[in-house]
Amino acid sequence: MNSIQFVVFFFIGCFVALALQVYYYSPISPDLLHLPTPSLTHSLFPTNTYLQEVTKIGEGRLKDPEDVSVDKEGILYTATRDGWIKRLHKNGSLEDWKWVENGSLLGLTTLATGGIAVCDSELGLLRVTEDGVTALATQFNKSDIKFADDVIEAKDGSLYFSVPSTKYMLHEWHLDMLEAKPHGQLLKYNPSANEVSLVLDNLCFPNGVAVSEEQDYLLVCETWKFRCLKHWLAGDLQGKTEVFIDNLPDGPDNINLAPDGSYWIALVQLTDKRFDFVHTSKIAKHLIATFPGILDIMQAFNKKATVMRVSADGKVLEKYDDPEGKVVNFVTSAVEYEGNLYLGSLKADFVGKLPLPNNKS
């Protein structure tokens, strides 16, 4: 065998070995992910740099604060991935309020009766008050709730919360994205009966949840579908589900009701144009699922931050960006309070504060 033949056989052998590795050890059974297409909405709201005016609150003292919520006294709460619930008081002081042992905390909401409800990606739905931590919902249909993500309280005391995936856990979110199948649920916790019930099933990574101002419908974001759904709670359409807004430019994360009845949606960049082909190729998906280090390289390019305000009838009203993540990136929640927008991020060590245009001095 001459040297050229040796090289050819060597590369053929490497290719076969790689193919066998991917075929036998890939942990996913993928579908293709349908990426958003250019639309009139995209052109009417071009990329800007307004999020670069963010002020950083608590910088260096917060680990990946995904969500924020404000109570009736004006105290801002955020939950961090190292188990802390922290409070920002109106005088500007930041308090290490409560610690959840073994906690990996995500979305939260303040409660009318005091304290907060918070989603723990491993422990389920929890209530945290001055008296401590109480587990509210840890199982559904005799199975552990392993990936609670976001929660909102209705005026009747019910808690609606999302479970992005019943197959994968938080640290495996990339596998759920690559598989692109509807493994998610929207659940309801009834505090009077201490019961958990199913609201919606077969969702593609359901994420943020919001209740309308009139309490007549729910909104839930389907991140992998680049859309938000509306589920009617009352009226002639009670029990029906429809699309609230779709073809969003990036994946919707958390959604929050604004004081004027509109909604703030945080959009996370799921892919870079250079890597769009991955989501349209099952072979590429298998390869990356088998060798997740490739995804780390791809994710390094996803630095954009975007928040969008949408009317109650699903029309985009305004959009703010940090296109290169110079000040803030991977914004996962946006909450409006007293003329400012407070931002959470899974890639930050602070909560962002952004003065809205009509509040700027």
Protein backbone atom coordinates (compact mmCIF):
# COMPACT_ATOMS: atom_id res chain seq x y z
CA MET A 1 0.00 0.00 0.00
CA ASN A 2 1.45 3.34 -1.01
CA SER A 3 1.18 6.50 1.06
CA ILE A 4 -1.76 7.92 -0.94
CA GLN A 5 -3.80 4.75 -0.43
CA PHE A 6 -2.95 4.79 3.25
CA VAL A 7 -4.22 8.37 3.63
CA VAL A 8 -7.42 7.57 1.73
CA PHE A 9 -8.16 4.48 3.83
CA PHE A 10 -7.30 6.39 7.01
CA PHE A 11 -9.84 9.12 6.28
CA ILE A 12 -12.48 6.58 5.19
CA GLY A 13 -11.93 4.72 8.46
CA CYS A 14 -12.25 7.93 10.47
CA PHE A 15 -15.47 8.82 8.65
CA VAL A 16 -16.99 5.37 9.25
CA ALA A 17 -16.00 5.46 12.91
CA LEU A 18 -17.53 8.90 13.30
CA ALA A 19 -20.74 7.84 11.55
CA LEU A 20 -21.06 4.78 13.80
CA GLN A 21 -20.42 6.93 16.87
CA VAL A 22 -23.14 9.38 15.90
CA TYR A 23 -25.62 6.67 14.84
CA TYR A 24 -25.32 4.52 17.95
CA TYR A 25 -24.70 7.14 20.65
CA SER A 26 -26.79 10.15 19.63
CA PRO A 27 -29.22 10.80 22.51
CA ILE A 28 -31.89 12.45 20.35
CA SER A 29 -34.50 11.60 17.74
CA PRO A 30 -34.72 14.98 16.01
CA ASP A 31 -37.27 16.87 13.98
CA LEU A 32 -36.31 19.89 11.91
CA LEU A 33 -36.65 23.31 13.53
CA HIS A 34 -38.52 25.85 11.41
CA LEU A 35 -36.68 29.15 11.75
CA PRO A 36 -38.46 32.52 11.50
CA THR A 37 -38.67 34.16 8.08
CA PRO A 38 -38.26 37.88 7.30
CA SER A 39 -41.51 39.79 7.72
CA LEU A 40 -42.93 43.31 7.66
CA THR A 41 -42.70 43.43 11.45
CA HIS A 42 -38.97 42.74 11.29
CA SER A 43 -38.43 45.58 8.80
CA LEU A 44 -40.58 48.05 10.74
CA PHE A 45 -38.50 47.54 13.87
CA PRO A 46 -34.84 47.45 12.77
CA THR A 47 -32.05 46.53 15.14
CA ASN A 48 -31.08 49.31 17.55
CA THR A 49 -28.77 49.79 20.55
CA TYR A 50 -31.20 51.07 23.16
CA LEU A 51 -30.45 48.23 25.61
CA GLN A 52 -26.89 49.52 25.84
CA GLU A 53 -28.29 52.26 28.10
CA VAL A 54 -28.97 49.68 30.82
CA THR A 55 -27.79 50.40 34.36
CA LYS A 56 -26.43 47.35 36.19
CA ILE A 57 -27.98 46.68 39.60
CA GLY A 58 -26.21 44.40 42.08
CA GLU A 59 -23.37 43.72 39.64
CA GLY A 60 -21.18 40.88 40.86
CA ARG A 61 -23.70 39.76 43.52
CA LEU A 62 -26.20 37.89 41.34
CA LYS A 63 -25.62 34.60 39.55
CA ASP A 64 -27.67 34.31 36.36
CA PRO A 65 -30.86 36.04 37.59
CA GLU A 66 -33.30 34.71 35.00
CA ASP A 67 -36.43 36.52 36.16
CA VAL A 68 -37.58 39.53 38.18
CA SER A 69 -40.88 40.41 39.87
CA VAL A 70 -42.06 43.45 41.86
CA ASP A 71 -44.48 43.29 44.80
CA LYS A 72 -47.14 45.84 45.81
CA GLU A 73 -44.63 47.60 48.06
CA GLY A 74 -42.24 48.15 45.18
CA ILE A 75 -39.69 45.55 46.33
CA LEU A 76 -38.02 43.78 43.43
CA TYR A 77 -37.34 40.04 43.74
CA THR A 78 -34.99 37.94 41.68
CA ALA A 79 -33.92 34.31 41.93
CA THR A 80 -30.40 33.14 41.14
CA ARG A 81 -28.98 29.85 39.95
CA ASP A 82 -27.02 29.37 43.19
CA GLY A 83 -30.24 29.15 45.19
CA TRP A 84 -30.68 32.70 46.48
CA ILE A 85 -33.82 34.81 46.47
CA LYS A 86 -32.61 38.41 46.58
CA ARG A 87 -34.58 41.58 47.15
CA LEU A 88 -33.89 45.08 45.89
CA HIS A 89 -35.49 47.65 48.14
CA LYS A 90 -36.69 51.05 46.99
CA ASN A 91 -33.79 52.70 48.83
CA GLY A 92 -31.41 50.84 46.51
CA SER A 93 -30.17 48.24 49.00
CA LEU A 94 -29.81 44.62 47.85
CA GLU A 95 -30.75 41.96 50.39
CA ASP A 96 -29.81 38.29 50.44
CA TRP A 97 -33.32 37.33 51.54
CA LYS A 98 -33.78 33.54 51.44
CA TRP A 99 -31.69 30.60 50.31
CA VAL A 100 -33.19 27.45 48.80
CA GLU A 101 -31.00 24.45 49.63
CA ASN A 102 -29.94 22.54 46.52
CA GLY A 103 -31.95 25.05 44.52
CA SER A 104 -31.52 25.92 40.86
CA LEU A 105 -34.02 28.74 40.53
CA LEU A 106 -35.67 30.14 37.42
CA GLY A 107 -38.97 32.05 37.03
CA LEU A 108 -40.81 33.62 39.94
CA THR A 109 -43.82 35.77 40.77
CA THR A 110 -44.90 37.73 43.82
CA LEU A 111 -48.04 36.51 45.60
CA ALA A 112 -51.05 38.51 46.71
CA THR A 113 -50.84 36.97 50.18
CA GLY A 114 -47.14 37.77 50.55
CA GLY A 115 -43.91 36.09 49.57
CA ILE A 116 -43.23 34.59 46.17
CA ALA A 117 -43.76 31.46 44.12
CA VAL A 118 -40.61 30.31 42.36
CA CYS A 119 -39.80 27.56 39.90
CA ASP A 120 -36.93 25.29 40.81
CA SER A 121 -35.62 23.30 37.88
CA GLU A 122 -35.11 20.26 40.09
CA LEU A 123 -37.50 20.62 43.04
CA GLY A 124 -40.67 21.84 41.30
CA LEU A 125 -42.87 24.77 42.31
CA LEU A 126 -42.02 26.38 45.64
CA ARG A 127 -43.42 29.11 47.87
CA VAL A 128 -40.97 31.31 49.74
CA THR A 129 -42.07 33.59 52.61
CA GLU A 130 -40.52 35.13 55.70
CA ASP A 131 -41.19 31.80 57.41
CA GLY A 132 -39.18 29.75 54.93
CA VAL A 133 -39.59 27.53 51.87
CA THR A 134 -42.60 25.30 51.17
CA ALA A 135 -42.97 22.84 48.29
CA LEU A 136 -46.25 23.43 46.46
CA ALA A 137 -46.05 21.12 43.46
CA THR A 138 -43.39 18.45 43.11
CA GLN A 139 -45.32 15.81 41.14
CA PHE A 140 -47.85 15.54 38.35
CA ASN A 141 -49.49 12.23 37.39
CA LYS A 142 -47.21 10.46 39.89
CA SER A 143 -44.07 11.71 38.13
CA ASP A 144 -41.62 14.23 39.56
CA ILE A 145 -41.73 17.71 38.09
CA LYS A 146 -38.09 18.00 37.06
CA PHE A 147 -38.05 21.18 35.01
CA ALA A 148 -40.42 23.87 36.33
CA ASP A 149 -39.57 27.11 34.55
CA ASP A 150 -41.93 30.09 34.90
CA VAL A 151 -44.99 30.85 37.03
CA ILE A 152 -47.76 33.47 37.31
CA GLU A 153 -50.54 33.91 39.87
CA ALA A 154 -54.13 34.53 38.80
CA LYS A 155 -56.42 36.67 40.94
CA ASP A 156 -58.23 33.56 42.22
CA GLY A 157 -54.94 32.34 43.69
CA SER A 158 -54.28 29.68 41.05
CA LEU A 159 -50.67 29.33 39.92
CA TYR A 160 -49.98 28.57 36.26
CA PHE A 161 -46.50 27.28 35.52
CA SER A 162 -44.58 25.90 32.59
CA VAL A 163 -42.59 22.69 32.25
CA PRO A 164 -40.47 23.13 29.10
CA SER A 165 -39.62 19.46 28.77
CA THR A 166 -40.77 16.24 30.38
CA LYS A 167 -37.93 14.38 28.65
CA TYR A 168 -34.90 16.55 29.34
CA MET A 169 -33.75 18.53 32.36
CA LEU A 170 -32.37 22.06 32.52
CA HIS A 171 -28.76 21.06 31.92
CA GLU A 172 -29.97 19.14 28.83
CA TRP A 173 -31.95 22.03 27.31
CA HIS A 174 -29.75 21.91 24.20
CA LEU A 175 -30.90 18.34 23.52
CA ASP A 176 -34.53 19.46 23.65
CA MET A 177 -33.70 22.27 21.20
CA LEU A 178 -31.93 19.90 18.82
CA GLU A 179 -34.71 17.33 19.05
CA ALA A 180 -37.31 20.09 18.45
CA LYS A 181 -40.26 17.97 19.57
CA PRO A 182 -43.22 18.96 21.78
CA HIS A 183 -42.20 17.61 25.17
CA GLY A 184 -43.56 20.52 27.22
CA GLN A 185 -46.59 21.22 29.40
CA LEU A 186 -48.49 24.09 31.00
CA LEU A 187 -49.74 23.13 34.46
CA LYS A 188 -52.07 24.67 37.04
CA TYR A 189 -51.64 24.49 40.80
CA ASN A 190 -54.86 24.92 42.79
CA PRO A 191 -53.86 26.01 46.32
CA SER A 192 -57.33 25.36 47.78
CA ALA A 193 -57.35 21.72 46.69
CA ASN A 194 -53.54 21.35 46.73
CA GLU A 195 -53.79 19.75 43.28
CA VAL A 196 -51.91 20.02 40.00
CA SER A 197 -53.80 19.75 36.72
CA LEU A 198 -52.90 19.88 33.04
CA VAL A 199 -53.79 23.00 31.05
CA LEU A 200 -51.88 22.34 27.81
CA ASP A 201 -49.76 19.45 26.56
CA ASN A 202 -47.49 18.81 23.58
CA LEU A 203 -45.83 22.24 23.62
CA CYS A 204 -42.41 23.02 22.14
CA PHE A 205 -40.42 24.29 25.11
CA PRO A 206 -43.14 26.35 26.84
CA ASN A 207 -41.38 29.11 28.71
CA GLY A 208 -42.84 32.39 29.97
CA VAL A 209 -46.45 32.56 31.21
CA ALA A 210 -48.71 35.60 31.70
CA VAL A 211 -52.34 36.20 32.65
CA SER A 212 -54.33 38.94 30.92
CA GLU A 213 -55.43 42.09 32.72
CA GLU A 214 -59.05 40.84 32.64
CA GLN A 215 -58.02 37.33 33.72
CA ASP A 216 -59.82 35.86 30.72
CA TYR A 217 -56.84 34.24 29.00
CA LEU A 218 -53.30 32.97 29.48
CA LEU A 219 -50.31 33.59 27.26
CA VAL A 220 -47.49 31.05 27.05
CA CYS A 221 -44.31 31.35 24.98
CA GLU A 222 -43.18 28.40 22.85
CA THR A 223 -39.48 29.10 22.46
CA TRP A 224 -38.69 26.54 19.76
CA LYS A 225 -41.73 27.66 17.73
CA PHE A 226 -40.81 31.39 17.84
CA ARG A 227 -44.36 32.16 18.95
CA CYS A 228 -46.71 32.75 21.89
CA LEU A 229 -50.06 31.02 22.36
CA LYS A 230 -53.27 32.37 23.88
CA HIS A 231 -55.37 29.97 25.97
CA TRP A 232 -58.83 31.20 26.93
CA LEU A 233 -59.85 30.85 30.57
CA ALA A 234 -63.30 32.44 30.32
CA GLY A 235 -65.96 33.56 27.86
CA ASP A 236 -67.30 31.91 24.73
CA LEU A 237 -63.83 30.64 23.79
CA GLN A 238 -63.05 29.11 27.18
CA GLY A 239 -60.74 26.11 26.78
CA LYS A 240 -59.71 27.09 23.25
CA THR A 241 -56.10 27.82 22.26
CA GLU A 242 -54.91 30.05 19.42
CA VAL A 243 -51.75 31.76 18.24
CA PHE A 244 -51.21 35.15 19.91
CA ILE A 245 -48.09 36.15 17.92
CA ASP A 246 -45.76 34.11 15.73
CA ASN A 247 -42.71 34.36 13.49
CA LEU A 248 -40.84 36.25 16.19
CA PRO A 249 -37.25 37.16 15.21
CA ASP A 250 -35.81 35.11 18.11
CA GLY A 251 -37.07 32.62 20.66
CA PRO A 252 -39.51 34.08 23.22
CA ASP A 253 -38.48 33.46 26.81
CA ASN A 254 -40.44 35.15 29.61
CA ILE A 255 -43.51 37.33 29.06
CA ASN A 256 -44.91 39.88 31.51
CA LEU A 257 -48.01 42.06 31.64
CA ALA A 258 -47.26 45.79 31.41
CA PRO A 259 -49.23 48.44 33.37
CA ASP A 260 -51.12 49.50 30.21
CA GLY A 261 -52.29 45.97 29.38
CA SER A 262 -49.63 45.25 26.76
CA TYR A 263 -46.89 42.63 27.22
CA TRP A 264 -43.12 42.65 27.42
CA ILE A 265 -41.47 39.63 25.78
CA ALA A 266 -37.78 38.82 26.17
CA LEU A 267 -36.30 37.19 23.06
CA VAL A 268 -33.24 34.95 23.24
CA GLN A 269 -30.98 34.32 20.28
CA LEU A 270 -31.11 30.60 19.51
CA THR A 271 -28.86 30.54 16.48
CA ASP A 272 -26.48 32.60 14.41
CA LYS A 273 -27.02 32.91 10.64
CA ARG A 274 -23.76 31.05 10.12
CA PHE A 275 -25.21 28.01 11.87
CA ASP A 276 -28.84 28.01 10.69
CA PHE A 277 -28.12 24.90 8.64
CA VAL A 278 -27.82 22.90 11.87
CA HIS A 279 -31.54 23.24 12.55
CA THR A 280 -32.47 22.03 9.07
CA SER A 281 -30.23 18.97 9.06
CA LYS A 282 -30.91 15.86 11.14
CA ILE A 283 -27.36 14.66 10.54
CA ALA A 284 -25.96 17.90 11.95
CA LYS A 285 -28.29 17.64 14.94
CA HIS A 286 -27.12 14.08 15.69
CA LEU A 287 -23.49 15.15 15.40
CA ILE A 288 -23.85 18.06 17.81
CA ALA A 289 -25.92 16.04 20.29
CA THR A 290 -23.16 13.42 20.34
CA PHE A 291 -20.38 16.01 20.65
CA PRO A 292 -21.91 18.89 22.67
CA GLY A 293 -18.64 20.80 22.68
CA ILE A 294 -19.54 21.90 19.16
CA LEU A 295 -22.64 23.63 20.54
CA ASP A 296 -20.52 25.57 23.03
CA ILE A 297 -18.59 27.02 20.11
CA MET A 298 -21.80 27.92 18.30
CA GLN A 299 -23.38 29.50 21.37
CA ALA A 300 -20.40 31.80 21.79
CA PHE A 301 -21.69 33.74 18.76
CA ASN A 302 -25.16 34.27 20.31
CA LYS A 303 -24.67 37.56 22.16
CA LYS A 304 -27.72 39.53 21.05
CA ALA A 305 -30.28 40.80 23.58
CA THR A 306 -33.80 41.83 22.59
CA VAL A 307 -37.01 42.81 24.38
CA MET A 308 -40.26 43.59 22.62
CA ARG A 309 -43.55 45.17 23.71
CA VAL A 310 -46.65 43.68 22.15
CA SER A 311 -50.24 44.93 22.34
CA ALA A 312 -53.10 42.88 23.77
CA ASP A 313 -54.10 41.95 20.22
CA GLY A 314 -50.62 40.66 19.34
CA LYS A 315 -49.20 43.66 17.45
CA VAL A 316 -45.58 44.68 17.99
CA LEU A 317 -45.35 48.17 19.50
CA GLU A 318 -41.64 48.64 20.14
CA LYS A 319 -38.38 46.69 20.27
CA TYR A 320 -35.09 47.32 22.10
CA ASP A 321 -31.78 45.59 21.34
CA ASP A 322 -28.18 45.20 22.32
CA PRO A 323 -27.15 43.56 19.03
CA GLU A 324 -23.65 42.54 20.10
CA GLY A 325 -24.26 42.06 23.81
CA LYS A 326 -21.88 44.89 24.71
CA VAL A 327 -23.74 45.78 27.91
CA VAL A 328 -26.26 42.98 28.37
CA ASN A 329 -26.88 39.73 26.50
CA PHE A 330 -29.28 36.80 26.60
CA VAL A 331 -32.02 38.79 28.32
CA THR A 332 -34.65 36.34 29.57
CA SER A 333 -37.22 38.61 31.24
CA ALA A 334 -38.45 42.21 31.19
CA VAL A 335 -40.73 43.74 33.84
CA GLU A 336 -42.03 47.31 33.71
CA TYR A 337 -42.38 49.25 36.95
CA GLU A 338 -42.69 53.01 37.53
CA GLY A 339 -41.37 53.97 34.12
CA ASN A 340 -38.39 51.61 34.12
CA LEU A 341 -37.80 48.21 32.60
CA TYR A 342 -36.05 45.65 34.81
CA LEU A 343 -34.21 42.90 32.97
CA GLY A 344 -33.15 39.40 33.99
CA SER A 345 -30.53 37.34 32.17
CA LEU A 346 -29.09 33.84 32.42
CA LYS A 347 -25.72 35.21 31.31
CA ALA A 348 -25.36 38.14 33.71
CA ASP A 349 -24.31 38.89 37.27
CA PHE A 350 -26.71 41.81 37.62
CA VAL A 351 -30.30 42.94 37.02
CA GLY A 352 -30.61 45.54 34.29
CA LYS A 353 -32.55 48.79 34.75
CA LEU A 354 -33.63 50.66 31.64
CA PRO A 355 -35.51 53.99 31.68
CA LEU A 356 -38.33 53.85 29.16
CA PRO A 357 -38.43 56.67 26.59
CA ASN A 358 -41.31 58.60 28.16
CA ASN A 359 -39.54 58.45 31.52
CA LYS A 360 -36.09 59.61 30.39
CA SER A 361 -34.93 62.90 31.91
